[in-house]
Structures are given as structure tokens and as C-alpha cells.
Amino acid sequence: MIRDRIEARQMRGSPERALIAYLETQGLQIDPNRKSASVKFGGPLCGSRVRIDWETERTGEIATMFVLYADTGCL
């Protein structure tokens, strides 16, 4: 579900800067050195996490994206 939304918005071949700008508007924290973005939401004991990693071509365009959604679990 989240993967489909992200990929529909920023297809492969789009400029990396456009992907970063979009992810920032969605509240994700960007780590440009690792080409990664993530956000945690929910309570301190129960919650979820979204992480997106990407690779770029030499031209700065998105080559591949990996989207992970996971529940952090509850105590």
C-alpha cells in the first residue's frame, strides 16, 4: 500500500531532489548520505515505522527504491 503510493508519486527515472522534497513534505526524516528516509508514528510502546531507501543513476535520477513498513511491536 505505502509502496504503491510512493512509487506512483515518484517513478523511477525522476530526479532525486524531487523525491527528497516529496518525502520531506510527508514528514519523513531524510539522510541524504545514506539515500534513506524514515518516520516513526504511534505511541512510545506501540507504533509503526516507514523506511525508504533509494539508489540513483550517475545522472541523479532514481534507479531503484525499497520501501519498508513495519510495526514496532507492543510490550
N, C-alpha and C. Protein backbone atom coordinates (compact mmCIF):
# COMPACT_ATOMS: atom_id res chain seq x y z
N MET A 1 0.81 -1.18 0.00
CA MET A 1 0.00 0.00 0.00
C MET A 1 0.86 1.26 0.00
N ILE A 2 1.72 1.42 1.00
CA ILE A 2 2.59 2.60 1.05
C ILE A 2 3.56 2.58 -0.12
N ARG A 3 4.04 1.40 -0.47
CA ARG A 3 4.96 1.27 -1.61
C ARG A 3 4.30 1.76 -2.89
N ASP A 4 3.06 1.37 -3.09
CA ASP A 4 2.35 1.78 -4.30
C ASP A 4 2.16 3.30 -4.34
N ARG A 5 1.83 3.91 -3.21
CA ARG A 5 1.65 5.37 -3.17
C ARG A 5 2.94 6.09 -3.49
N ILE A 6 4.05 5.64 -2.89
CA ILE A 6 5.33 6.30 -3.13
C ILE A 6 5.76 6.11 -4.58
N GLU A 7 5.67 4.90 -5.07
CA GLU A 7 6.12 4.65 -6.44
C GLU A 7 5.21 5.33 -7.46
N ALA A 8 3.94 5.46 -7.17
CA ALA A 8 3.04 6.16 -8.09
C ALA A 8 3.39 7.65 -8.14
N ARG A 9 3.83 8.18 -7.02
CA ARG A 9 4.17 9.60 -6.95
C ARG A 9 5.53 9.90 -7.58
N GLN A 10 6.51 9.08 -7.32
CA GLN A 10 7.88 9.30 -7.80
C GLN A 10 8.37 8.05 -8.51
N MET A 11 8.10 7.96 -9.76
CA MET A 11 8.50 6.79 -10.52
C MET A 11 10.02 6.79 -10.75
N ARG A 12 10.53 5.61 -11.01
CA ARG A 12 11.95 5.51 -11.35
C ARG A 12 12.24 6.43 -12.51
N GLY A 13 13.40 7.04 -12.48
CA GLY A 13 13.77 7.98 -13.53
C GLY A 13 13.52 9.42 -13.15
N SER A 14 12.82 9.65 -12.03
CA SER A 14 12.59 11.02 -11.55
C SER A 14 13.86 11.55 -10.89
N PRO A 15 14.04 12.86 -10.84
CA PRO A 15 15.21 13.43 -10.16
C PRO A 15 15.17 13.13 -8.65
N GLU A 16 16.32 12.84 -8.08
CA GLU A 16 16.41 12.55 -6.65
C GLU A 16 15.90 13.73 -5.83
N ARG A 17 16.19 14.94 -6.23
CA ARG A 17 15.75 16.11 -5.45
C ARG A 17 14.23 16.20 -5.36
N ALA A 18 13.52 15.73 -6.39
CA ALA A 18 12.06 15.73 -6.35
C ALA A 18 11.55 14.71 -5.34
N LEU A 19 12.18 13.54 -5.29
CA LEU A 19 11.81 12.52 -4.31
C LEU A 19 12.04 13.04 -2.90
N ILE A 20 13.20 13.62 -2.65
CA ILE A 20 13.52 14.14 -1.32
C ILE A 20 12.52 15.20 -0.91
N ALA A 21 12.20 16.13 -1.80
CA ALA A 21 11.24 17.20 -1.49
C ALA A 21 9.89 16.61 -1.13
N TYR A 22 9.43 15.62 -1.88
CA TYR A 22 8.15 14.99 -1.59
C TYR A 22 8.17 14.28 -0.24
N LEU A 23 9.22 13.52 0.04
CA LEU A 23 9.29 12.80 1.31
C LEU A 23 9.34 13.76 2.49
N GLU A 24 10.02 14.88 2.34
CA GLU A 24 10.05 15.88 3.41
C GLU A 24 8.66 16.45 3.66
N THR A 25 7.89 16.70 2.61
CA THR A 25 6.53 17.23 2.81
C THR A 25 5.63 16.20 3.49
N GLN A 26 5.98 14.93 3.41
CA GLN A 26 5.21 13.87 4.06
C GLN A 26 5.68 13.62 5.49
N GLY A 27 6.68 14.38 5.95
CA GLY A 27 7.13 14.27 7.33
C GLY A 27 8.24 13.27 7.58
N LEU A 28 8.84 12.74 6.53
CA LEU A 28 9.93 11.79 6.72
C LEU A 28 11.24 12.53 6.97
N GLN A 29 12.10 11.93 7.78
CA GLN A 29 13.42 12.48 8.05
C GLN A 29 14.37 11.92 7.00
N ILE A 30 15.11 12.81 6.35
CA ILE A 30 15.97 12.42 5.24
C ILE A 30 17.41 12.28 5.70
N ASP A 31 18.07 11.22 5.27
CA ASP A 31 19.51 11.06 5.43
C ASP A 31 20.10 10.97 4.03
N PRO A 32 20.51 12.13 3.46
CA PRO A 32 20.97 12.13 2.07
C PRO A 32 22.24 11.31 1.84
N ASN A 33 23.08 11.19 2.85
CA ASN A 33 24.31 10.41 2.69
C ASN A 33 24.02 8.93 2.51
N ARG A 34 22.99 8.45 3.17
CA ARG A 34 22.61 7.04 3.07
C ARG A 34 21.53 6.81 2.01
N LYS A 35 21.02 7.92 1.44
CA LYS A 35 19.91 7.84 0.48
C LYS A 35 18.77 7.08 1.12
N SER A 36 18.31 7.62 2.25
CA SER A 36 17.30 6.95 3.05
C SER A 36 16.39 8.00 3.71
N ALA A 37 15.16 7.61 3.95
CA ALA A 37 14.20 8.46 4.65
C ALA A 37 13.37 7.57 5.55
N SER A 38 12.97 8.10 6.72
CA SER A 38 12.17 7.27 7.62
C SER A 38 11.29 8.14 8.51
N VAL A 39 10.28 7.49 9.05
CA VAL A 39 9.39 8.14 10.02
C VAL A 39 8.84 7.04 10.93
N LYS A 40 8.69 7.39 12.21
CA LYS A 40 8.05 6.51 13.18
C LYS A 40 6.79 7.22 13.64
N PHE A 41 5.72 6.47 13.83
CA PHE A 41 4.50 7.08 14.32
C PHE A 41 3.78 6.10 15.22
N GLY A 42 2.90 6.64 16.03
CA GLY A 42 2.20 5.83 17.02
C GLY A 42 2.75 6.17 18.39
N GLY A 43 2.35 5.42 19.37
CA GLY A 43 2.77 5.67 20.75
C GLY A 43 4.17 5.20 21.03
N PRO A 44 4.66 5.51 22.25
CA PRO A 44 6.03 5.11 22.59
C PRO A 44 6.20 3.59 22.75
N LEU A 45 5.12 2.88 23.08
CA LEU A 45 5.22 1.44 23.25
C LEU A 45 4.75 0.67 22.02
N CYS A 46 3.78 1.20 21.34
CA CYS A 46 3.26 0.56 20.12
C CYS A 46 3.33 1.57 19.00
N GLY A 47 3.76 1.15 17.86
CA GLY A 47 3.85 2.09 16.75
C GLY A 47 4.24 1.39 15.46
N SER A 48 4.51 2.21 14.48
CA SER A 48 4.89 1.71 13.17
C SER A 48 6.03 2.56 12.62
N ARG A 49 6.69 2.02 11.63
CA ARG A 49 7.82 2.71 11.01
C ARG A 49 7.77 2.51 9.50
N VAL A 50 8.09 3.58 8.80
CA VAL A 50 8.23 3.52 7.35
C VAL A 50 9.66 3.94 7.04
N ARG A 51 10.31 3.16 6.21
CA ARG A 51 11.67 3.49 5.77
C ARG A 51 11.75 3.31 4.27
N ILE A 52 12.36 4.28 3.63
CA ILE A 52 12.52 4.25 2.18
C ILE A 52 13.99 4.45 1.85
N ASP A 53 14.55 3.54 1.13
CA ASP A 53 15.94 3.64 0.65
C ASP A 53 15.89 3.71 -0.86
N TRP A 54 16.85 4.40 -1.45
CA TRP A 54 16.89 4.50 -2.91
C TRP A 54 18.32 4.54 -3.41
N GLU A 55 18.46 4.24 -4.67
CA GLU A 55 19.74 4.33 -5.37
C GLU A 55 19.52 5.23 -6.57
N THR A 56 20.57 5.91 -6.99
CA THR A 56 20.45 6.81 -8.13
C THR A 56 21.43 6.42 -9.24
N GLU A 57 21.08 6.85 -10.42
CA GLU A 57 22.00 6.76 -11.56
C GLU A 57 23.03 7.88 -11.42
N ARG A 58 24.05 7.85 -12.21
CA ARG A 58 25.04 8.95 -12.18
C ARG A 58 24.42 10.29 -12.53
N THR A 59 23.32 10.25 -13.24
CA THR A 59 22.63 11.48 -13.66
C THR A 59 21.81 12.10 -12.53
N GLY A 60 21.70 11.40 -11.38
CA GLY A 60 20.91 11.91 -10.27
C GLY A 60 19.46 11.48 -10.30
N GLU A 61 19.11 10.59 -11.21
CA GLU A 61 17.75 10.09 -11.30
C GLU A 61 17.60 8.81 -10.48
N ILE A 62 16.40 8.60 -9.96
CA ILE A 62 16.13 7.42 -9.15
C ILE A 62 16.24 6.16 -10.01
N ALA A 63 17.07 5.22 -9.56
CA ALA A 63 17.23 3.95 -10.27
C ALA A 63 16.36 2.87 -9.61
N THR A 64 16.43 2.76 -8.29
CA THR A 64 15.63 1.77 -7.56
C THR A 64 15.20 2.37 -6.23
N MET A 65 14.08 1.86 -5.72
CA MET A 65 13.58 2.26 -4.41
C MET A 65 13.15 1.02 -3.65
N PHE A 66 13.37 1.04 -2.33
CA PHE A 66 12.97 -0.03 -1.46
C PHE A 66 12.14 0.59 -0.35
N VAL A 67 10.91 0.12 -0.16
CA VAL A 67 10.01 0.68 0.83
C VAL A 67 9.69 -0.40 1.86
N LEU A 68 9.89 -0.06 3.13
CA LEU A 68 9.62 -0.99 4.22
C LEU A 68 8.63 -0.36 5.19
N TYR A 69 7.57 -1.08 5.48
CA TYR A 69 6.61 -0.68 6.51
C TYR A 69 6.62 -1.78 7.55
N ALA A 70 6.75 -1.40 8.82
CA ALA A 70 6.79 -2.41 9.87
C ALA A 70 6.16 -1.88 11.14
N ASP A 71 5.51 -2.77 11.86
CA ASP A 71 5.03 -2.43 13.21
C ASP A 71 6.18 -2.65 14.16
N THR A 72 6.35 -1.71 15.10
CA THR A 72 7.46 -1.82 16.04
C THR A 72 7.14 -2.78 17.18
N GLY A 73 5.90 -3.21 17.29
CA GLY A 73 5.51 -4.15 18.33
C GLY A 73 5.02 -3.45 19.56
N CYS A 74 4.40 -4.20 20.43
CA CYS A 74 3.85 -3.66 21.68
C CYS A 74 4.37 -4.49 22.85
N LEU A 75 4.56 -3.81 23.94
CA LEU A 75 5.00 -4.52 25.16
C LEU A 75 3.82 -4.96 25.97
